Protein backbone atom coordinates (compact mmCIF):
# COMPACT_ATOMS: atom_id res chain seq x y z
CA MET A 1 -11.32 52.47 -10.54
CA LYS A 2 -9.67 50.43 -13.36
CA GLN A 3 -6.19 50.48 -11.47
CA ILE A 4 -7.84 49.02 -8.45
CA PHE A 5 -9.28 46.00 -10.37
CA VAL A 6 -6.09 45.65 -12.39
CA LEU A 7 -4.06 45.68 -8.93
CA ALA A 8 -6.55 43.00 -7.81
CA ILE A 9 -5.89 40.76 -10.63
CA VAL A 10 -2.46 40.96 -10.30
CA ALA A 11 -2.49 40.30 -6.85
CA LEU A 12 -4.62 37.32 -6.98
CA THR A 13 -2.22 36.14 -10.11
CA PHE A 14 0.80 36.56 -7.60
CA ALA A 15 -1.01 34.84 -4.66
CA SER A 16 -2.04 31.92 -6.96
CA CYS A 17 1.55 31.59 -8.29
CA GLN A 18 2.98 30.93 -4.75
CA GLN A 19 4.67 27.58 -4.12
CA THR A 20 3.21 25.81 -1.01
CA THR A 21 5.10 23.36 0.85
CA VAL A 22 3.23 19.86 1.37
CA LYS A 23 4.14 17.78 4.05
CA ILE A 24 4.12 13.99 3.18
CA ASP A 25 3.53 11.70 6.10
CA PRO A 26 5.88 8.66 6.08
CA PRO A 27 4.25 5.60 4.80
CA ILE A 28 2.21 3.34 7.23
CA VAL A 29 3.63 -0.01 7.77
CA ASP A 30 1.24 -2.95 8.25
CA SER A 31 2.28 -5.01 11.02
CA THR A 32 -1.05 -7.08 11.45
CA THR A 33 -0.76 -10.70 11.09
CA SER A 34 -2.95 -12.98 9.36
CA ASN A 35 -5.14 -13.45 12.10
CA GLY A 36 -5.58 -9.79 12.85
CA ALA A 37 -2.95 -9.59 16.10
CA THR A 38 -0.80 -6.61 15.94
CA MET A 39 2.96 -7.34 16.03
CA ALA A 40 5.52 -4.95 17.76
CA PRO A 41 9.01 -4.16 16.24
CA ALA A 42 11.20 -7.02 17.11
CA SER A 43 13.55 -5.95 19.96
CA PRO A 44 17.45 -6.81 20.13
CA ASP A 45 16.80 -9.67 22.62
CA ALA A 46 14.26 -11.21 20.03
CA PRO A 47 14.26 -14.92 19.31
CA ILE A 48 15.88 -15.91 16.09
CA LEU A 49 14.55 -18.86 14.25
CA THR A 50 17.50 -20.68 12.43
CA PHE A 51 16.64 -23.71 10.22
CA GLU A 52 19.49 -26.35 9.66
CA LYS A 53 18.13 -26.45 6.11
CA THR A 54 15.58 -24.16 4.44
CA THR A 55 14.95 -26.73 1.42
CA TYR A 56 14.47 -30.40 1.38
CA ASP A 57 14.61 -32.05 -2.11
CA PHE A 58 12.67 -35.10 -1.81
CA GLY A 59 13.71 -36.26 -5.43
CA LYS A 60 11.40 -38.36 -7.64
CA ILE A 61 8.63 -40.30 -6.00
CA LYS A 62 5.60 -41.89 -7.54
CA GLN A 63 2.32 -40.19 -7.66
CA GLY A 64 0.31 -41.21 -4.43
CA GLU A 65 3.33 -41.61 -2.15
CA LYS A 66 3.60 -39.29 0.86
CA VAL A 67 6.87 -37.60 1.92
CA HIS A 68 7.77 -37.06 5.54
CA TYR A 69 10.34 -34.37 6.50
CA ASP A 70 11.32 -32.72 9.77
CA PHE A 71 12.77 -29.20 9.37
CA ILE A 72 14.92 -28.82 12.38
CA PHE A 73 15.47 -25.67 13.51
CA LYS A 74 17.16 -23.68 16.60
CA ASN A 75 16.29 -20.57 18.63
CA THR A 76 19.50 -18.52 18.60
CA GLY A 77 18.12 -15.55 20.11
CA LYS A 78 18.05 -14.35 23.59
CA THR A 79 14.39 -15.18 24.79
CA PRO A 80 11.90 -18.14 24.29
CA LEU A 81 10.64 -18.77 20.75
CA ILE A 82 6.92 -19.20 20.11
CA ILE A 83 5.82 -20.29 16.72
CA SER A 84 2.21 -19.09 16.54
CA ASN A 85 1.45 -20.48 12.89
CA ALA A 86 2.77 -22.62 10.08
CA THR A 87 0.87 -22.97 6.86
CA ALA A 88 1.46 -24.67 3.26
CA SER A 89 0.97 -23.38 0.15
CA CYS A 90 -1.51 -25.86 -0.88
CA GLY A 91 -3.67 -28.41 1.32
CA CYS A 92 -1.45 -31.56 0.01
CA THR A 93 1.16 -30.50 2.36
CA VAL A 94 0.44 -30.63 6.08
CA PRO A 95 3.23 -28.63 8.66
CA GLU A 96 2.87 -29.57 12.32
CA PRO A 97 4.68 -26.86 14.52
CA PRO A 98 5.75 -27.50 18.05
CA LYS A 99 3.20 -26.04 20.74
CA ASP A 100 5.65 -25.19 23.39
CA PRO A 101 8.23 -22.41 23.50
CA ILE A 102 11.69 -23.18 22.46
CA GLN A 103 14.19 -21.67 24.98
CA PRO A 104 17.38 -19.79 23.83
CA GLY A 105 19.72 -22.38 22.35
CA ALA A 106 17.37 -25.28 22.14
CA GLU A 107 16.48 -27.37 19.07
CA SER A 108 12.89 -28.37 17.80
CA VAL A 109 11.27 -29.68 14.38
CA ILE A 110 8.49 -28.51 12.29
CA LYS A 111 7.07 -32.05 10.71
CA VAL A 112 5.67 -31.67 7.10
CA ILE A 113 3.66 -34.20 5.25
CA PHE A 114 3.25 -33.85 1.55
CA ASP A 115 0.71 -36.16 -0.12
CA SER A 116 1.37 -36.36 -3.76
CA THR A 117 -1.99 -38.05 -4.59
CA GLY A 118 -3.43 -36.18 -7.70
CA LYS A 119 0.06 -34.13 -8.25
CA SER A 120 2.34 -34.60 -11.16
CA GLY A 121 5.66 -32.89 -12.50
CA ILE A 122 7.98 -30.57 -10.52
CA GLN A 123 6.84 -29.58 -6.89
CA ASP A 124 7.78 -26.64 -4.66
CA LYS A 125 5.68 -26.66 -1.42
CA VAL A 126 6.07 -23.37 0.49
CA ILE A 127 5.73 -23.92 4.24
CA THR A 128 5.44 -20.23 6.00
CA VAL A 129 6.31 -20.10 9.65
CA THR A 130 5.08 -17.21 11.82
CA SER A 131 6.80 -16.66 15.28
CA ASN A 132 7.61 -14.07 17.83
CA GLY A 133 11.01 -14.23 16.35
CA ASN A 134 13.25 -11.57 14.10
CA PRO A 135 12.17 -11.72 11.39
CA SER A 136 8.59 -12.81 12.32
CA ILE A 137 8.12 -14.83 9.11
CA ASN A 138 10.25 -17.76 7.60
CA GLU A 139 9.57 -19.79 4.67
CA VAL A 140 11.03 -23.35 4.14
CA HIS A 141 10.47 -25.39 0.82
CA LEU A 142 9.62 -29.07 -0.08
CA THR A 143 10.78 -29.71 -3.70
CA GLY A 144 11.01 -32.57 -6.06
CA GLU A 145 9.10 -34.27 -8.92
CA VAL A 146 5.87 -36.09 -8.77
CA LEU A 147 6.22 -39.13 -11.76
CA ALA A 148 2.50 -39.62 -13.00
CA PRO A 149 1.66 -43.47 -13.52
CA ALA A 150 2.18 -44.64 -16.83
CA GLN A 151 -0.84 -44.96 -19.32
């Protein structure tokens, strides 16, 4: 009886020491936009949003002045480009993207207005552009310095 008991313990010990292979699933990639829509991977024929300049330095301005700038871009892809959203890093910067699709080879602009009221010092305002292009998210920057009024 002792031998059976010892054999059972030995068998359990060997069974518990067996290595098991754990299958790890690939990471889940979140392809959801900020408005909840799911985006498919870009096709080789996807539109490509190519900016003429991705940064505009407005230099030094006085507090309260407004800066207007047009970010010029071109659709260098093979299908129409649709800009679904353009947002700025703060409420003092307002982007205005085109509403109509931009055909392959065509140019358009994203108009941006920065209001420096209440701002001072070095500024870097980021405008995030979401489209059906490849990549689907692009960033452009308005940079410069706002001079505070003399006290």
